[in-house]
Amino acid sequence: MYDMANLKKVKTLKELAPEGMAAYLAFDAAAMKDGAIPKKYKELIALAVAFTTQCPYCIEVHAKAARQAGCTDAEIAEATVVAAALRAGGAITHGTHAIG
């Protein structure tokens, strides 16, 4: 189901919904460029979110971008652990809703 070749279909989305896709791509570019948070850290954030949402496309795209931004394997590993801790914490805190 998850085949990186599917990302080629983004071109079709741009043709079928040009205004919405242009807005999305502009938003994505603005969000990911250097700013108060450097691009390197934004890519680590993106990876942590991708690990949590379990989006293989996002993982592939942002792992490549993270390496291009200078991220090391150790930084990516720590981002992985942070994502795991937050996801586990969410399960713990939501579990409190089930306790009388």
C-alpha atoms as a PDB file:
ATOM      1  CA  MET A   1       0.000   0.000   0.000  1.00  0.00           C
ATOM      2  CA  TYR A   2       2.787   2.422   0.885  1.00  0.00           C
ATOM      3  CA  ASP A   3       4.914   2.861  -2.187  1.00  0.00           C
ATOM      4  CA  MET A   4       7.091   5.945  -2.534  1.00  0.00           C
ATOM      5  CA  ALA A   5       6.141   5.942  -6.223  1.00  0.00           C
ATOM      6  CA  ASN A   6       2.687   7.124  -5.112  1.00  0.00           C
ATOM      7  CA  LEU A   7       4.228  10.499  -4.310  1.00  0.00           C
ATOM      8  CA  LYS A   8       4.463  11.060  -8.069  1.00  0.00           C
ATOM      9  CA  LYS A   9       0.669  11.420  -7.941  1.00  0.00           C
ATOM     10  CA  VAL A  10       1.075  14.712  -6.057  1.00  0.00           C
ATOM     11  CA  LYS A  11       1.447  16.213  -9.534  1.00  0.00           C
ATOM     12  CA  THR A  12      -2.049  14.941 -10.336  1.00  0.00           C
ATOM     13  CA  LEU A  13      -3.412  16.451  -7.127  1.00  0.00           C
ATOM     14  CA  LYS A  14      -1.859  19.776  -8.151  1.00  0.00           C
ATOM     15  CA  GLU A  15      -3.614  19.530 -11.516  1.00  0.00           C
ATOM     16  CA  LEU A  16      -6.981  18.551 -10.049  1.00  0.00           C
ATOM     17  CA  ALA A  17      -6.971  20.932  -7.082  1.00  0.00           C
ATOM     18  CA  PRO A  18      -4.477  23.660  -8.012  1.00  0.00           C
ATOM     19  CA  GLU A  19      -5.568  26.342  -5.564  1.00  0.00           C
ATOM     20  CA  GLY A  20      -5.708  24.072  -2.529  1.00  0.00           C
ATOM     21  CA  MET A  21      -2.451  22.334  -3.377  1.00  0.00           C
ATOM     22  CA  ALA A  22      -0.674  25.645  -3.984  1.00  0.00           C
ATOM     23  CA  ALA A  23      -1.827  26.829  -0.575  1.00  0.00           C
ATOM     24  CA  TYR A  24      -0.711  23.583   1.073  1.00  0.00           C
ATOM     25  CA  LEU A  25       2.720  23.629  -0.593  1.00  0.00           C
ATOM     26  CA  ALA A  26       3.276  27.285   0.329  1.00  0.00           C
ATOM     27  CA  PHE A  27       2.268  26.568   3.944  1.00  0.00           C
ATOM     28  CA  ASP A  28       4.544  23.506   4.094  1.00  0.00           C
ATOM     29  CA  ALA A  29       7.501  25.456   2.674  1.00  0.00           C
ATOM     30  CA  ALA A  30       6.956  28.329   5.114  1.00  0.00           C
ATOM     31  CA  ALA A  31       6.630  25.983   8.083  1.00  0.00           C
ATOM     32  CA  MET A  32       9.809  24.055   7.273  1.00  0.00           C
ATOM     33  CA  LYS A  33      12.182  26.901   6.387  1.00  0.00           C
ATOM     34  CA  ASP A  34      14.740  28.317   8.790  1.00  0.00           C
ATOM     35  CA  GLY A  35      13.231  30.679  11.319  1.00  0.00           C
ATOM     36  CA  ALA A  36      13.247  30.986  15.100  1.00  0.00           C
ATOM     37  CA  ILE A  37      13.680  27.194  14.978  1.00  0.00           C
ATOM     38  CA  PRO A  38      16.480  26.124  12.609  1.00  0.00           C
ATOM     39  CA  LYS A  39      15.548  23.775   9.749  1.00  0.00           C
ATOM     40  CA  LYS A  40      17.637  20.989  11.330  1.00  0.00           C
ATOM     41  CA  TYR A  41      15.464  21.031  14.460  1.00  0.00           C
ATOM     42  CA  LYS A  42      12.291  21.335  12.418  1.00  0.00           C
ATOM     43  CA  GLU A  43      13.247  18.136  10.590  1.00  0.00           C
ATOM     44  CA  LEU A  44      13.776  16.359  13.917  1.00  0.00           C
ATOM     45  CA  ILE A  45      10.341  17.585  15.031  1.00  0.00           C
ATOM     46  CA  ALA A  46       8.858  16.397  11.739  1.00  0.00           C
ATOM     47  CA  LEU A  47      10.438  12.976  12.204  1.00  0.00           C
ATOM     48  CA  ALA A  48       9.123  12.660  15.753  1.00  0.00           C
ATOM     49  CA  VAL A  49       5.623  13.535  14.542  1.00  0.00           C
ATOM     50  CA  ALA A  50       5.967  11.107  11.625  1.00  0.00           C
ATOM     51  CA  PHE A  51       7.032   8.320  13.991  1.00  0.00           C
ATOM     52  CA  THR A  52       4.016   9.054  16.178  1.00  0.00           C
ATOM     53  CA  THR A  53       1.541   9.220  13.291  1.00  0.00           C
ATOM     54  CA  GLN A  54       3.359   6.284  11.668  1.00  0.00           C
ATOM     55  CA  CYS A  55       3.353   7.867   8.213  1.00  0.00           C
ATOM     56  CA  PRO A  56       5.928   5.994   6.115  1.00  0.00           C
ATOM     57  CA  TYR A  57       5.960   8.709   3.460  1.00  0.00           C
ATOM     58  CA  CYS A  58       6.708  11.386   6.057  1.00  0.00           C
ATOM     59  CA  ILE A  59       9.398   9.233   7.652  1.00  0.00           C
ATOM     60  CA  GLU A  60      11.111   8.680   4.302  1.00  0.00           C
ATOM     61  CA  VAL A  61      10.898  12.313   3.187  1.00  0.00           C
ATOM     62  CA  HIS A  62      11.892  13.845   6.518  1.00  0.00           C
ATOM     63  CA  ALA A  63      14.673  11.325   7.246  1.00  0.00           C
ATOM     64  CA  LYS A  64      16.302  12.349   3.975  1.00  0.00           C
ATOM     65  CA  ALA A  65      15.739  16.048   4.688  1.00  0.00           C
ATOM     66  CA  ALA A  66      17.031  15.646   8.250  1.00  0.00           C
ATOM     67  CA  ARG A  67      20.273  14.133   6.996  1.00  0.00           C
ATOM     68  CA  GLN A  68      20.616  16.921   4.428  1.00  0.00           C
ATOM     69  CA  ALA A  69      20.114  19.431   7.254  1.00  0.00           C
ATOM     70  CA  GLY A  70      22.963  17.818   9.194  1.00  0.00           C
ATOM     71  CA  CYS A  71      21.110  15.527  11.606  1.00  0.00           C
ATOM     72  CA  THR A  72      23.079  12.587  12.928  1.00  0.00           C
ATOM     73  CA  ASP A  73      21.864   9.079  13.653  1.00  0.00           C
ATOM     74  CA  ALA A  74      22.166   9.862  17.376  1.00  0.00           C
ATOM     75  CA  GLU A  75      19.868  12.905  17.006  1.00  0.00           C
ATOM     76  CA  ILE A  76      17.337  10.888  15.019  1.00  0.00           C
ATOM     77  CA  ALA A  77      17.489   8.118  17.634  1.00  0.00           C
ATOM     78  CA  GLU A  78      16.781  10.628  20.420  1.00  0.00           C
ATOM     79  CA  ALA A  79      13.880  12.092  18.425  1.00  0.00           C
ATOM     80  CA  THR A  80      12.547   8.542  18.132  1.00  0.00           C
ATOM     81  CA  VAL A  81      12.701   8.046  21.903  1.00  0.00           C
ATOM     82  CA  VAL A  82      11.037  11.419  22.537  1.00  0.00           C
ATOM     83  CA  ALA A  83       8.214  10.453  20.161  1.00  0.00           C
ATOM     84  CA  ALA A  84       7.824   7.089  21.895  1.00  0.00           C
ATOM     85  CA  ALA A  85       7.749   8.711  25.332  1.00  0.00           C
ATOM     86  CA  LEU A  86       5.080  11.215  24.276  1.00  0.00           C
ATOM     87  CA  ARG A  87       2.948   8.515  22.710  1.00  0.00           C
ATOM     88  CA  ALA A  88       3.266   6.359  25.826  1.00  0.00           C
ATOM     89  CA  GLY A  89       2.471   9.358  28.009  1.00  0.00           C
ATOM     90  CA  GLY A  90      -0.670   9.943  25.997  1.00  0.00           C
ATOM     91  CA  ALA A  91      -1.791   6.376  26.685  1.00  0.00           C
ATOM     92  CA  ILE A  92      -1.112   6.801  30.405  1.00  0.00           C
ATOM     93  CA  THR A  93      -2.943  10.107  30.721  1.00  0.00           C
ATOM     94  CA  HIS A  94      -5.883   8.922  28.613  1.00  0.00           C
ATOM     95  CA  GLY A  95      -6.043   5.800  30.783  1.00  0.00           C
ATOM     96  CA  THR A  96      -6.957   8.054  33.707  1.00  0.00           C
ATOM     97  CA  HIS A  97     -10.266   8.768  31.940  1.00  0.00           C
ATOM     98  CA  ALA A  98     -11.251   5.120  32.381  1.00  0.00           C
ATOM     99  CA  ILE A  99     -10.579   4.985  36.107  1.00  0.00           C
ATOM    100  CA  GLY A 100     -13.523   5.696  38.416  1.00  0.00           C
END
